Amino acid sequence: MTGQVGEDEALAALALIRAYVARDMYTARHILARWDTRDRAASFAAVVASSAATLLQRTAGADRDRALALADEALEIYQSLVLRDRQQVA
């Protein structure tokens, strides 16, 4: 991965996290369509996970338990959004 691609991928990861926080699924889908491709899916997932973990740790003031609680809360929100989307499709 070249330096510029890595920087662009990291920026996309942060933008994806922001889109999910804002519940902006339109933007999230477009970011994923661009970056979550077959040849780089694992790499992009790792960048997103690493970026999210860093944000959670900084938000929690390096308190691991608080960071985990925030991660759990984020997962609950995500799961409720997925459930809502499935119900809208059905």
Protein backbone atom coordinates (compact mmCIF):
# COMPACT_ATOMS: atom_id res chain seq x y z
CA MET A 1 0.00 0.00 0.00
CA THR A 2 1.48 3.36 -0.97
CA GLY A 3 1.65 6.24 1.48
CA GLN A 4 -1.09 8.27 -0.19
CA VAL A 5 -3.44 5.28 -0.44
CA GLY A 6 -2.84 4.50 3.22
CA GLU A 7 -3.58 8.10 4.19
CA ASP A 8 -6.71 8.14 2.01
CA GLU A 9 -7.83 4.82 3.50
CA ALA A 10 -7.35 6.14 7.05
CA LEU A 11 -9.31 9.29 6.21
CA ALA A 12 -12.07 7.15 4.69
CA ALA A 13 -12.13 5.04 7.86
CA LEU A 14 -12.61 8.13 10.02
CA ALA A 15 -15.27 9.45 7.64
CA LEU A 16 -17.04 6.08 7.83
CA ILE A 17 -16.99 6.16 11.62
CA ARG A 18 -18.38 9.70 11.53
CA ALA A 19 -21.10 8.69 9.08
CA TYR A 20 -22.17 5.85 11.35
CA VAL A 21 -22.16 8.13 14.39
CA ALA A 22 -24.34 10.58 12.45
CA ARG A 23 -26.50 7.66 11.26
CA ASP A 24 -25.83 8.84 7.72
CA MET A 25 -26.22 5.53 5.92
CA TYR A 26 -26.15 7.17 2.49
CA THR A 27 -22.61 8.44 3.04
CA ALA A 28 -21.56 5.22 4.78
CA ARG A 29 -22.71 3.11 1.83
CA HIS A 30 -20.75 5.30 -0.59
CA ILE A 31 -17.58 5.10 1.50
CA LEU A 32 -17.93 1.33 1.73
CA ALA A 33 -18.58 1.04 -1.99
CA ARG A 34 -15.31 2.86 -2.67
CA TRP A 35 -13.06 1.29 -0.04
CA ASP A 36 -14.50 -2.05 1.02
CA THR A 37 -13.56 -3.80 -2.20
CA ARG A 38 -12.69 -7.44 -2.66
CA ASP A 39 -8.96 -6.75 -2.92
CA ARG A 40 -8.71 -4.50 0.14
CA ALA A 41 -11.63 -5.51 2.41
CA ALA A 42 -9.48 -6.95 5.20
CA SER A 43 -7.11 -4.00 5.10
CA PHE A 44 -9.94 -1.46 5.23
CA ALA A 45 -11.69 -3.33 8.04
CA ALA A 46 -8.46 -3.28 10.03
CA VAL A 47 -8.01 0.46 9.47
CA VAL A 48 -11.60 1.15 10.54
CA ALA A 49 -11.28 -1.02 13.65
CA SER A 50 -7.98 0.56 14.60
CA SER A 51 -9.34 4.07 14.08
CA ALA A 52 -12.46 3.34 16.10
CA ALA A 53 -10.44 1.81 18.94
CA THR A 54 -8.15 4.83 19.04
CA LEU A 55 -11.11 7.22 19.12
CA LEU A 56 -12.79 5.24 21.90
CA GLN A 57 -9.62 5.12 23.98
CA ARG A 58 -9.03 8.84 23.62
CA THR A 59 -12.66 9.62 24.40
CA ALA A 60 -12.48 7.43 27.49
CA GLY A 61 -9.27 9.09 28.67
CA ALA A 62 -7.31 5.83 28.34
CA ASP A 63 -9.75 4.15 30.78
CA ARG A 64 -10.00 0.67 29.26
CA ASP A 65 -13.27 -0.22 30.99
CA ARG A 66 -14.91 3.02 29.81
CA ALA A 67 -13.61 2.44 26.26
CA LEU A 68 -15.11 -1.06 26.30
CA ALA A 69 -18.43 0.32 27.59
CA LEU A 70 -18.43 2.83 24.73
CA ALA A 71 -17.65 0.05 22.23
CA ASP A 72 -20.52 -2.01 23.64
CA GLU A 73 -22.83 0.97 23.31
CA ALA A 74 -21.72 1.49 19.70
CA LEU A 75 -22.42 -2.17 18.93
CA GLU A 76 -25.90 -1.89 20.43
CA ILE A 77 -26.64 1.19 18.34
CA TYR A 78 -25.37 -0.54 15.21
CA GLN A 79 -27.45 -3.63 15.90
CA SER A 80 -30.57 -1.52 16.40
CA LEU A 81 -29.92 0.25 13.09
CA VAL A 82 -29.51 -3.08 11.29
CA LEU A 83 -32.73 -4.36 12.84
CA ARG A 84 -34.54 -1.16 11.84
CA ASP A 85 -33.26 -1.43 8.26
CA ARG A 86 -34.37 -5.07 8.05
CA GLN A 87 -37.83 -4.18 9.32
CA GLN A 88 -38.12 -1.38 6.74
CA VAL A 89 -37.22 -3.80 3.94
CA ALA A 90 -39.68 -6.46 5.10
